[in-house]
Amino acid sequence: MTIQQSIKAESAAEEAIRKAKTIGQLERLAGIETNADRALFWLQFVRLKNRASKAGKEELKRMIRSRYAGQAASRPRSMLVAPSLQAVSAHWGDDRS
């Protein structure tokens, strides 16, 4: 992918993210289409309590940017789901106190 193509993909991804009005629209843009995929995705954030929604939305946006850049196309579908719970907890903090 050339730099110009990369910039176009990034711009298209940001525009799609900006136009999405609901979490469901973000989920579809990220490739999460079934209820099973949706449950699997959001279960990874359950321990984050009050920060789960923000962390989930940020991960959806990352997944959308990745898809528009063409990076997700080469990964298996199971890898389109968020990173491991350990990685998410490390980034956002673990509320298990």
N, C-alpha and C. Protein backbone atom coordinates (compact mmCIF):
# COMPACT_ATOMS: atom_id res chain seq x y z
N MET A 1 0.84 -1.17 0.00
CA MET A 1 0.00 0.00 0.00
C MET A 1 0.89 1.24 0.00
N THR A 2 0.59 2.16 -0.90
CA THR A 2 1.38 3.39 -0.97
C THR A 2 0.96 4.33 0.15
N ILE A 3 1.75 5.35 0.35
CA ILE A 3 1.44 6.34 1.38
C ILE A 3 0.11 7.03 1.06
N GLN A 4 -0.10 7.33 -0.21
CA GLN A 4 -1.33 7.99 -0.61
C GLN A 4 -2.55 7.09 -0.34
N GLN A 5 -2.43 5.81 -0.64
CA GLN A 5 -3.51 4.87 -0.36
C GLN A 5 -3.76 4.75 1.13
N SER A 6 -2.69 4.75 1.89
CA SER A 6 -2.80 4.67 3.34
C SER A 6 -3.53 5.89 3.91
N ILE A 7 -3.21 7.06 3.39
CA ILE A 7 -3.87 8.29 3.84
C ILE A 7 -5.35 8.27 3.48
N LYS A 8 -5.68 7.78 2.28
CA LYS A 8 -7.08 7.67 1.87
C LYS A 8 -7.84 6.70 2.77
N ALA A 9 -7.22 5.56 3.08
CA ALA A 9 -7.87 4.57 3.95
C ALA A 9 -8.09 5.15 5.34
N GLU A 10 -7.10 5.86 5.85
CA GLU A 10 -7.22 6.47 7.17
C GLU A 10 -8.33 7.51 7.18
N SER A 11 -8.39 8.31 6.15
CA SER A 11 -9.42 9.34 6.04
C SER A 11 -10.81 8.70 5.94
N ALA A 12 -10.94 7.64 5.16
CA ALA A 12 -12.22 6.95 5.02
C ALA A 12 -12.64 6.32 6.34
N ALA A 13 -11.68 5.75 7.06
CA ALA A 13 -11.99 5.14 8.35
C ALA A 13 -12.46 6.19 9.34
N GLU A 14 -11.79 7.31 9.42
CA GLU A 14 -12.17 8.37 10.34
C GLU A 14 -13.55 8.93 10.00
N GLU A 15 -13.84 9.05 8.72
CA GLU A 15 -15.16 9.53 8.30
C GLU A 15 -16.24 8.53 8.69
N ALA A 16 -16.00 7.24 8.50
CA ALA A 16 -16.97 6.21 8.88
C ALA A 16 -17.19 6.22 10.39
N ILE A 17 -16.12 6.35 11.16
CA ILE A 17 -16.23 6.41 12.62
C ILE A 17 -17.04 7.63 13.04
N ARG A 18 -16.77 8.75 12.42
CA ARG A 18 -17.47 9.99 12.75
C ARG A 18 -18.96 9.90 12.43
N LYS A 19 -19.31 9.22 11.34
CA LYS A 19 -20.71 9.10 10.93
C LYS A 19 -21.49 8.09 11.77
N ALA A 20 -20.81 7.17 12.41
CA ALA A 20 -21.48 6.15 13.23
C ALA A 20 -22.13 6.83 14.43
N LYS A 21 -23.42 6.64 14.59
CA LYS A 21 -24.16 7.28 15.67
C LYS A 21 -24.41 6.35 16.86
N THR A 22 -24.26 5.05 16.65
CA THR A 22 -24.53 4.08 17.73
C THR A 22 -23.37 3.11 17.87
N ILE A 23 -23.32 2.45 19.01
CA ILE A 23 -22.31 1.42 19.21
C ILE A 23 -22.53 0.28 18.22
N GLY A 24 -23.79 -0.03 17.92
CA GLY A 24 -24.09 -1.07 16.95
C GLY A 24 -23.50 -0.77 15.58
N GLN A 25 -23.53 0.48 15.18
CA GLN A 25 -22.93 0.85 13.90
C GLN A 25 -21.41 0.69 13.95
N LEU A 26 -20.81 1.05 15.07
CA LEU A 26 -19.36 0.84 15.22
C LEU A 26 -19.04 -0.65 15.17
N GLU A 27 -19.85 -1.46 15.84
CA GLU A 27 -19.63 -2.91 15.84
C GLU A 27 -19.66 -3.47 14.42
N ARG A 28 -20.66 -3.06 13.64
CA ARG A 28 -20.76 -3.55 12.26
C ARG A 28 -19.56 -3.11 11.42
N LEU A 29 -19.13 -1.86 11.58
CA LEU A 29 -17.96 -1.37 10.86
C LEU A 29 -16.71 -2.15 11.24
N ALA A 30 -16.65 -2.60 12.48
CA ALA A 30 -15.49 -3.36 12.97
C ALA A 30 -15.55 -4.83 12.57
N GLY A 31 -16.67 -5.26 11.99
CA GLY A 31 -16.79 -6.65 11.56
C GLY A 31 -17.49 -7.55 12.55
N ILE A 32 -18.08 -6.96 13.57
CA ILE A 32 -18.82 -7.74 14.57
C ILE A 32 -20.28 -7.75 14.12
N GLU A 33 -20.72 -8.89 13.62
CA GLU A 33 -22.04 -8.93 13.01
C GLU A 33 -23.05 -9.81 13.74
N THR A 34 -22.60 -10.85 14.39
CA THR A 34 -23.55 -11.75 15.05
C THR A 34 -23.62 -11.45 16.54
N ASN A 35 -24.70 -11.90 17.16
CA ASN A 35 -24.83 -11.71 18.61
C ASN A 35 -23.73 -12.43 19.36
N ALA A 36 -23.30 -13.58 18.84
CA ALA A 36 -22.22 -14.33 19.49
C ALA A 36 -20.92 -13.53 19.45
N ASP A 37 -20.61 -12.93 18.29
CA ASP A 37 -19.41 -12.10 18.17
C ASP A 37 -19.50 -10.90 19.11
N ARG A 38 -20.68 -10.32 19.18
CA ARG A 38 -20.89 -9.15 20.02
C ARG A 38 -20.67 -9.50 21.50
N ALA A 39 -21.25 -10.61 21.93
CA ALA A 39 -21.10 -11.03 23.32
C ALA A 39 -19.64 -11.32 23.63
N LEU A 40 -18.97 -12.01 22.72
CA LEU A 40 -17.56 -12.35 22.91
C LEU A 40 -16.71 -11.09 23.03
N PHE A 41 -17.00 -10.12 22.19
CA PHE A 41 -16.25 -8.86 22.22
C PHE A 41 -16.44 -8.15 23.56
N TRP A 42 -17.68 -7.93 23.99
CA TRP A 42 -17.95 -7.13 25.17
C TRP A 42 -17.61 -7.85 26.48
N LEU A 43 -17.63 -9.16 26.49
CA LEU A 43 -17.27 -9.90 27.70
C LEU A 43 -15.83 -9.62 28.13
N GLN A 44 -15.00 -9.28 27.19
CA GLN A 44 -13.61 -9.00 27.51
C GLN A 44 -13.43 -7.73 28.34
N PHE A 45 -14.46 -6.89 28.37
CA PHE A 45 -14.36 -5.61 29.07
C PHE A 45 -15.14 -5.59 30.38
N VAL A 46 -15.78 -6.68 30.74
CA VAL A 46 -16.68 -6.70 31.89
C VAL A 46 -15.98 -6.33 33.20
N ARG A 47 -14.73 -6.69 33.36
CA ARG A 47 -14.01 -6.40 34.60
C ARG A 47 -13.64 -4.94 34.74
N LEU A 48 -13.79 -4.19 33.69
CA LEU A 48 -13.40 -2.78 33.73
C LEU A 48 -14.49 -1.88 34.29
N LYS A 49 -15.64 -2.45 34.56
CA LYS A 49 -16.78 -1.75 35.15
C LYS A 49 -17.05 -0.42 34.45
N ASN A 50 -16.82 0.69 35.12
CA ASN A 50 -17.19 2.01 34.58
C ASN A 50 -16.40 2.39 33.33
N ARG A 51 -15.27 1.78 33.11
CA ARG A 51 -14.45 2.12 31.94
C ARG A 51 -14.69 1.17 30.77
N ALA A 52 -15.57 0.20 30.94
CA ALA A 52 -15.79 -0.81 29.89
C ALA A 52 -16.29 -0.19 28.59
N SER A 53 -17.23 0.72 28.67
CA SER A 53 -17.79 1.32 27.47
C SER A 53 -16.74 2.10 26.69
N LYS A 54 -15.98 2.92 27.39
CA LYS A 54 -14.93 3.71 26.71
C LYS A 54 -13.86 2.80 26.11
N ALA A 55 -13.43 1.82 26.86
CA ALA A 55 -12.40 0.90 26.36
C ALA A 55 -12.93 0.12 25.16
N GLY A 56 -14.18 -0.33 25.23
CA GLY A 56 -14.77 -1.07 24.12
C GLY A 56 -14.89 -0.22 22.87
N LYS A 57 -15.33 1.02 23.03
CA LYS A 57 -15.45 1.92 21.87
C LYS A 57 -14.08 2.21 21.25
N GLU A 58 -13.08 2.41 22.09
CA GLU A 58 -11.73 2.66 21.56
C GLU A 58 -11.23 1.44 20.77
N GLU A 59 -11.51 0.24 21.29
CA GLU A 59 -11.08 -0.98 20.58
C GLU A 59 -11.85 -1.14 19.28
N LEU A 60 -13.14 -0.81 19.27
CA LEU A 60 -13.91 -0.86 18.02
C LEU A 60 -13.31 0.09 16.98
N LYS A 61 -12.95 1.28 17.41
CA LYS A 61 -12.34 2.26 16.49
C LYS A 61 -11.01 1.75 15.97
N ARG A 62 -10.21 1.10 16.82
CA ARG A 62 -8.94 0.54 16.37
C ARG A 62 -9.18 -0.54 15.33
N MET A 63 -10.19 -1.38 15.57
CA MET A 63 -10.51 -2.45 14.64
C MET A 63 -10.98 -1.89 13.30
N ILE A 64 -11.77 -0.82 13.34
CA ILE A 64 -12.25 -0.19 12.10
C ILE A 64 -11.08 0.37 11.31
N ARG A 65 -10.20 1.08 11.99
CA ARG A 65 -9.02 1.64 11.30
C ARG A 65 -8.19 0.53 10.68
N SER A 66 -8.04 -0.55 11.40
CA SER A 66 -7.27 -1.69 10.91
C SER A 66 -7.93 -2.29 9.67
N ARG A 67 -9.24 -2.44 9.70
CA ARG A 67 -9.96 -3.00 8.55
C ARG A 67 -9.80 -2.10 7.33
N TYR A 68 -9.95 -0.80 7.53
CA TYR A 68 -9.83 0.12 6.40
C TYR A 68 -8.41 0.13 5.84
N ALA A 69 -7.45 -0.12 6.68
CA ALA A 69 -6.05 -0.16 6.23
C ALA A 69 -5.72 -1.49 5.57
N GLY A 70 -6.64 -2.45 5.64
CA GLY A 70 -6.42 -3.73 5.00
C GLY A 70 -5.67 -4.73 5.85
N GLN A 71 -5.37 -4.39 7.09
CA GLN A 71 -4.61 -5.27 7.95
C GLN A 71 -5.45 -6.42 8.49
N ALA A 72 -6.74 -6.20 8.68
CA ALA A 72 -7.60 -7.23 9.26
C ALA A 72 -7.93 -8.33 8.26
N ALA A 73 -7.82 -8.03 6.98
CA ALA A 73 -8.20 -9.00 5.95
C ALA A 73 -7.37 -10.27 6.02
N SER A 74 -6.15 -10.18 6.47
CA SER A 74 -5.28 -11.35 6.49
C SER A 74 -5.38 -12.13 7.80
N ARG A 75 -6.11 -11.61 8.78
CA ARG A 75 -6.23 -12.30 10.06
C ARG A 75 -7.49 -13.15 10.09
N PRO A 76 -7.47 -14.29 10.80
CA PRO A 76 -8.68 -15.10 10.93
C PRO A 76 -9.76 -14.32 11.67
N ARG A 77 -11.02 -14.67 11.42
CA ARG A 77 -12.15 -13.95 12.03
C ARG A 77 -12.04 -13.90 13.55
N SER A 78 -11.59 -14.97 14.17
CA SER A 78 -11.49 -14.98 15.63
C SER A 78 -10.51 -13.93 16.13
N MET A 79 -9.59 -13.50 15.30
CA MET A 79 -8.62 -12.50 15.70
C MET A 79 -9.16 -11.08 15.54
N LEU A 80 -10.37 -10.92 14.97
CA LEU A 80 -10.94 -9.59 14.82
C LEU A 80 -11.52 -9.09 16.14
N VAL A 81 -11.59 -9.96 17.11
CA VAL A 81 -12.11 -9.59 18.42
C VAL A 81 -10.99 -8.89 19.19
N ALA A 82 -11.35 -8.17 20.22
CA ALA A 82 -10.40 -7.38 20.99
C ALA A 82 -9.24 -8.21 21.52
N PRO A 83 -8.15 -7.54 21.90
CA PRO A 83 -7.01 -8.25 22.46
C PRO A 83 -7.38 -8.94 23.77
N SER A 84 -6.47 -9.71 24.29
CA SER A 84 -6.74 -10.50 25.49
C SER A 84 -7.17 -9.62 26.65
N LEU A 85 -7.90 -10.22 27.56
CA LEU A 85 -8.36 -9.50 28.75
C LEU A 85 -7.18 -8.95 29.54
N GLN A 86 -6.08 -9.69 29.57
CA GLN A 86 -4.90 -9.21 30.29
C GLN A 86 -4.39 -7.90 29.69
N ALA A 87 -4.37 -7.83 28.37
CA ALA A 87 -3.88 -6.61 27.70
C ALA A 87 -4.83 -5.45 27.97
N VAL A 88 -6.13 -5.70 27.92
CA VAL A 88 -7.12 -4.66 28.17
C VAL A 88 -7.01 -4.18 29.62
N SER A 89 -6.94 -5.13 30.55
CA SER A 89 -6.83 -4.77 31.97
C SER A 89 -5.56 -3.99 32.25
N ALA A 90 -4.47 -4.37 31.60
CA ALA A 90 -3.21 -3.67 31.81
C ALA A 90 -3.31 -2.22 31.34
N HIS A 91 -4.04 -2.01 30.23
CA HIS A 91 -4.16 -0.67 29.69
C HIS A 91 -5.12 0.19 30.50
N TRP A 92 -6.28 -0.34 30.85
CA TRP A 92 -7.33 0.43 31.49
C TRP A 92 -7.36 0.28 33.00
N GLY A 93 -6.61 -0.64 33.55
CA GLY A 93 -6.64 -0.90 35.00
C GLY A 93 -7.69 -1.94 35.32
N ASP A 94 -7.45 -2.71 36.33
CA ASP A 94 -8.35 -3.79 36.72
C ASP A 94 -9.08 -3.37 37.99
N ASP A 95 -10.41 -3.39 37.95
CA ASP A 95 -11.23 -2.95 39.08
C ASP A 95 -11.54 -4.06 40.08
N ARG A 96 -10.78 -5.11 40.12
CA ARG A 96 -11.07 -6.23 41.02
C ARG A 96 -10.56 -5.94 42.43
N SER A 97 -11.06 -4.92 43.07
CA SER A 97 -10.58 -4.62 44.42
C SER A 97 -11.65 -4.90 45.44
